[in-house]
Amino acid sequence: MSSIENQNPKETGESMEKNSDQIPEKPESKASSFMNLVAEASTLAWNLVIPIVGGVLLGHYIDNRNGSELTWTLSLLVLGVIIAFSNLYNLYVEHGHQKPAARKVKSKDKKAHAGNK
């Protein structure tokens, strides 16, 4: 008989668990983290700028067509600011839900902390 056949299946399962916990994770490169930061900043900028500038431009166009002075421009500016901050809040909530998922404790960390209680 070989040594593998003599081992207890329970021991074999444990050794497989230990090996799966020892898989090293690749660290995120600096270029990748920089690009993620740029992507988040550009998303934030577009979500703030488009509604505000769009409201002002549309309001100016409507004011020129109707012969009114600044009624539509100011109204749509305020609406654009409200929409921009709504978008900002939605991004904040979405980003807040993603962070805890990224911080999950790994199984070997749980075992190490279980003895500290």
C-alpha atoms as a PDB file:
ATOM      1  CA  MET A   1       0.000   0.000   0.000  1.00  0.00           C
ATOM      2  CA  SER A   2       1.127   3.505  -0.677  1.00  0.00           C
ATOM      3  CA  SER A   3       1.342   6.165   1.991  1.00  0.00           C
ATOM      4  CA  ILE A   4      -1.653   7.994   0.502  1.00  0.00           C
ATOM      5  CA  GLU A   5      -3.905   4.973   1.013  1.00  0.00           C
ATOM      6  CA  ASN A   6      -2.816   4.688   4.667  1.00  0.00           C
ATOM      7  CA  GLN A   7      -3.842   8.244   5.487  1.00  0.00           C
ATOM      8  CA  ASN A   8      -7.097   8.983   7.167  1.00  0.00           C
ATOM      9  CA  PRO A   9      -9.479  10.803   4.742  1.00  0.00           C
ATOM     10  CA  LYS A  10     -10.145  13.317   7.487  1.00  0.00           C
ATOM     11  CA  GLU A  11      -6.435  14.175   7.617  1.00  0.00           C
ATOM     12  CA  THR A  12      -6.292  14.474   3.826  1.00  0.00           C
ATOM     13  CA  GLY A  13      -9.189  16.942   3.881  1.00  0.00           C
ATOM     14  CA  GLU A  14      -7.492  19.013   6.552  1.00  0.00           C
ATOM     15  CA  SER A  15      -4.261  19.178   4.597  1.00  0.00           C
ATOM     16  CA  MET A  16      -6.190  20.328   1.534  1.00  0.00           C
ATOM     17  CA  GLU A  17      -7.811  23.085   3.613  1.00  0.00           C
ATOM     18  CA  LYS A  18      -4.418  24.236   4.845  1.00  0.00           C
ATOM     19  CA  ASN A  19      -3.062  24.342   1.298  1.00  0.00           C
ATOM     20  CA  SER A  20      -6.031  26.334   0.008  1.00  0.00           C
ATOM     21  CA  ASP A  21      -5.512  28.930   2.769  1.00  0.00           C
ATOM     22  CA  GLN A  22      -1.878  29.361   1.778  1.00  0.00           C
ATOM     23  CA  ILE A  23      -2.547  30.602  -1.764  1.00  0.00           C
ATOM     24  CA  PRO A  24      -0.869  33.999  -1.961  1.00  0.00           C
ATOM     25  CA  GLU A  25      -2.899  36.896  -3.215  1.00  0.00           C
ATOM     26  CA  LYS A  26      -1.471  39.156  -5.882  1.00  0.00           C
ATOM     27  CA  PRO A  27      -1.015  42.700  -4.620  1.00  0.00           C
ATOM     28  CA  GLU A  28      -2.714  45.372  -6.653  1.00  0.00           C
ATOM     29  CA  SER A  29      -0.215  47.262  -8.765  1.00  0.00           C
ATOM     30  CA  LYS A  30       0.281  50.996  -8.311  1.00  0.00           C
ATOM     31  CA  ALA A  31      -0.771  51.696 -11.912  1.00  0.00           C
ATOM     32  CA  SER A  32      -4.015  49.791 -11.414  1.00  0.00           C
ATOM     33  CA  SER A  33      -4.856  51.618  -8.193  1.00  0.00           C
ATOM     34  CA  PHE A  34      -4.046  54.948  -9.860  1.00  0.00           C
ATOM     35  CA  MET A  35      -6.344  54.123 -12.766  1.00  0.00           C
ATOM     36  CA  ASN A  36      -9.111  53.154 -10.318  1.00  0.00           C
ATOM     37  CA  LEU A  37      -8.685  56.514  -8.591  1.00  0.00           C
ATOM     38  CA  VAL A  38      -8.824  58.359 -11.931  1.00  0.00           C
ATOM     39  CA  ALA A  39     -11.950  56.420 -12.924  1.00  0.00           C
ATOM     40  CA  GLU A  40     -13.691  57.266  -9.651  1.00  0.00           C
ATOM     41  CA  ALA A  41     -12.731  60.943  -9.914  1.00  0.00           C
ATOM     42  CA  SER A  42     -13.952  61.225 -13.507  1.00  0.00           C
ATOM     43  CA  THR A  43     -17.233  59.495 -12.648  1.00  0.00           C
ATOM     44  CA  LEU A  44     -17.727  61.898  -9.777  1.00  0.00           C
ATOM     45  CA  ALA A  45     -16.916  64.908 -11.969  1.00  0.00           C
ATOM     46  CA  TRP A  46     -19.283  63.895 -14.757  1.00  0.00           C
ATOM     47  CA  ASN A  47     -22.099  63.164 -12.307  1.00  0.00           C
ATOM     48  CA  LEU A  48     -21.725  66.659 -10.859  1.00  0.00           C
ATOM     49  CA  VAL A  49     -20.989  68.696 -14.001  1.00  0.00           C
ATOM     50  CA  ILE A  50     -23.447  67.333 -16.575  1.00  0.00           C
ATOM     51  CA  PRO A  51     -26.703  68.116 -14.704  1.00  0.00           C
ATOM     52  CA  ILE A  52     -25.570  71.600 -13.682  1.00  0.00           C
ATOM     53  CA  VAL A  53     -24.153  72.699 -17.031  1.00  0.00           C
ATOM     54  CA  GLY A  54     -26.944  70.956 -18.907  1.00  0.00           C
ATOM     55  CA  GLY A  55     -29.554  72.778 -16.828  1.00  0.00           C
ATOM     56  CA  VAL A  56     -27.936  76.157 -17.446  1.00  0.00           C
ATOM     57  CA  LEU A  57     -27.611  75.580 -21.205  1.00  0.00           C
ATOM     58  CA  LEU A  58     -31.157  74.285 -21.572  1.00  0.00           C
ATOM     59  CA  GLY A  59     -32.506  77.114 -19.411  1.00  0.00           C
ATOM     60  CA  HIS A  60     -30.622  79.723 -21.466  1.00  0.00           C
ATOM     61  CA  TYR A  61     -32.004  78.220 -24.689  1.00  0.00           C
ATOM     62  CA  ILE A  62     -35.598  78.242 -23.371  1.00  0.00           C
ATOM     63  CA  ASP A  63     -35.189  81.814 -22.057  1.00  0.00           C
ATOM     64  CA  ASN A  64     -33.976  83.004 -25.468  1.00  0.00           C
ATOM     65  CA  ARG A  65     -36.863  81.255 -27.268  1.00  0.00           C
ATOM     66  CA  ASN A  66     -39.532  82.658 -24.905  1.00  0.00           C
ATOM     67  CA  GLY A  67     -38.051  86.124 -24.470  1.00  0.00           C
ATOM     68  CA  SER A  68     -37.864  85.754 -20.675  1.00  0.00           C
ATOM     69  CA  GLU A  69     -34.775  86.953 -18.851  1.00  0.00           C
ATOM     70  CA  LEU A  70     -33.363  84.368 -16.429  1.00  0.00           C
ATOM     71  CA  THR A  71     -36.413  82.475 -15.235  1.00  0.00           C
ATOM     72  CA  TRP A  72     -35.672  79.128 -16.893  1.00  0.00           C
ATOM     73  CA  THR A  73     -31.905  79.432 -16.539  1.00  0.00           C
ATOM     74  CA  LEU A  74     -32.050  79.866 -12.772  1.00  0.00           C
ATOM     75  CA  SER A  75     -34.809  77.292 -12.333  1.00  0.00           C
ATOM     76  CA  LEU A  76     -32.950  74.635 -14.280  1.00  0.00           C
ATOM     77  CA  LEU A  77     -29.675  75.574 -12.567  1.00  0.00           C
ATOM     78  CA  VAL A  78     -31.262  74.827  -9.194  1.00  0.00           C
ATOM     79  CA  LEU A  79     -32.752  71.605 -10.570  1.00  0.00           C
ATOM     80  CA  GLY A  80     -29.324  70.635 -11.959  1.00  0.00           C
ATOM     81  CA  VAL A  81     -27.679  71.213  -8.569  1.00  0.00           C
ATOM     82  CA  ILE A  82     -30.336  69.080  -6.863  1.00  0.00           C
ATOM     83  CA  ILE A  83     -29.823  66.280  -9.397  1.00  0.00           C
ATOM     84  CA  ALA A  84     -26.027  66.547  -9.068  1.00  0.00           C
ATOM     85  CA  PHE A  85     -26.150  66.173  -5.293  1.00  0.00           C
ATOM     86  CA  SER A  86     -28.623  63.324  -5.659  1.00  0.00           C
ATOM     87  CA  ASN A  87     -26.127  61.583  -7.958  1.00  0.00           C
ATOM     88  CA  LEU A  88     -23.357  62.284  -5.451  1.00  0.00           C
ATOM     89  CA  TYR A  89     -25.407  60.749  -2.650  1.00  0.00           C
ATOM     90  CA  ASN A  90     -26.195  57.672  -4.768  1.00  0.00           C
ATOM     91  CA  LEU A  91     -22.487  57.196  -5.536  1.00  0.00           C
ATOM     92  CA  TYR A  92     -21.687  57.535  -1.835  1.00  0.00           C
ATOM     93  CA  VAL A  93     -24.272  54.916  -0.888  1.00  0.00           C
ATOM     94  CA  GLU A  94     -23.112  52.561  -3.657  1.00  0.00           C
ATOM     95  CA  HIS A  95     -19.464  53.002  -2.680  1.00  0.00           C
ATOM     96  CA  GLY A  96     -20.338  52.438   0.969  1.00  0.00           C
ATOM     97  CA  HIS A  97     -21.903  49.055   0.192  1.00  0.00           C
ATOM     98  CA  GLN A  98     -18.859  47.903  -1.779  1.00  0.00           C
ATOM     99  CA  LYS A  99     -16.254  48.622   0.913  1.00  0.00           C
ATOM    100  CA  PRO A 100     -17.403  46.094   3.560  1.00  0.00           C
ATOM    101  CA  ALA A 101     -17.428  43.325   0.950  1.00  0.00           C
ATOM    102  CA  ALA A 102     -13.785  44.057   0.145  1.00  0.00           C
ATOM    103  CA  ARG A 103     -12.830  43.915   3.832  1.00  0.00           C
ATOM    104  CA  LYS A 104     -14.143  40.419   4.564  1.00  0.00           C
ATOM    105  CA  VAL A 105     -12.009  38.518   7.048  1.00  0.00           C
ATOM    106  CA  LYS A 106     -10.285  35.505   5.542  1.00  0.00           C
ATOM    107  CA  SER A 107     -10.858  32.080   7.025  1.00  0.00           C
ATOM    108  CA  LYS A 108      -7.347  31.729   8.444  1.00  0.00           C
ATOM    109  CA  ASP A 109      -7.707  35.166  10.053  1.00  0.00           C
ATOM    110  CA  LYS A 110     -10.981  34.042  11.649  1.00  0.00           C
ATOM    111  CA  LYS A 111      -9.207  31.004  13.112  1.00  0.00           C
ATOM    112  CA  ALA A 112      -6.368  33.155  14.445  1.00  0.00           C
ATOM    113  CA  HIS A 113      -8.780  35.626  16.054  1.00  0.00           C
ATOM    114  CA  ALA A 114     -11.060  32.937  17.471  1.00  0.00           C
ATOM    115  CA  GLY A 115      -8.470  32.032  20.119  1.00  0.00           C
ATOM    116  CA  ASN A 116      -8.140  35.670  21.253  1.00  0.00           C
ATOM    117  CA  LYS A 117     -11.697  35.877  22.648  1.00  0.00           C
END
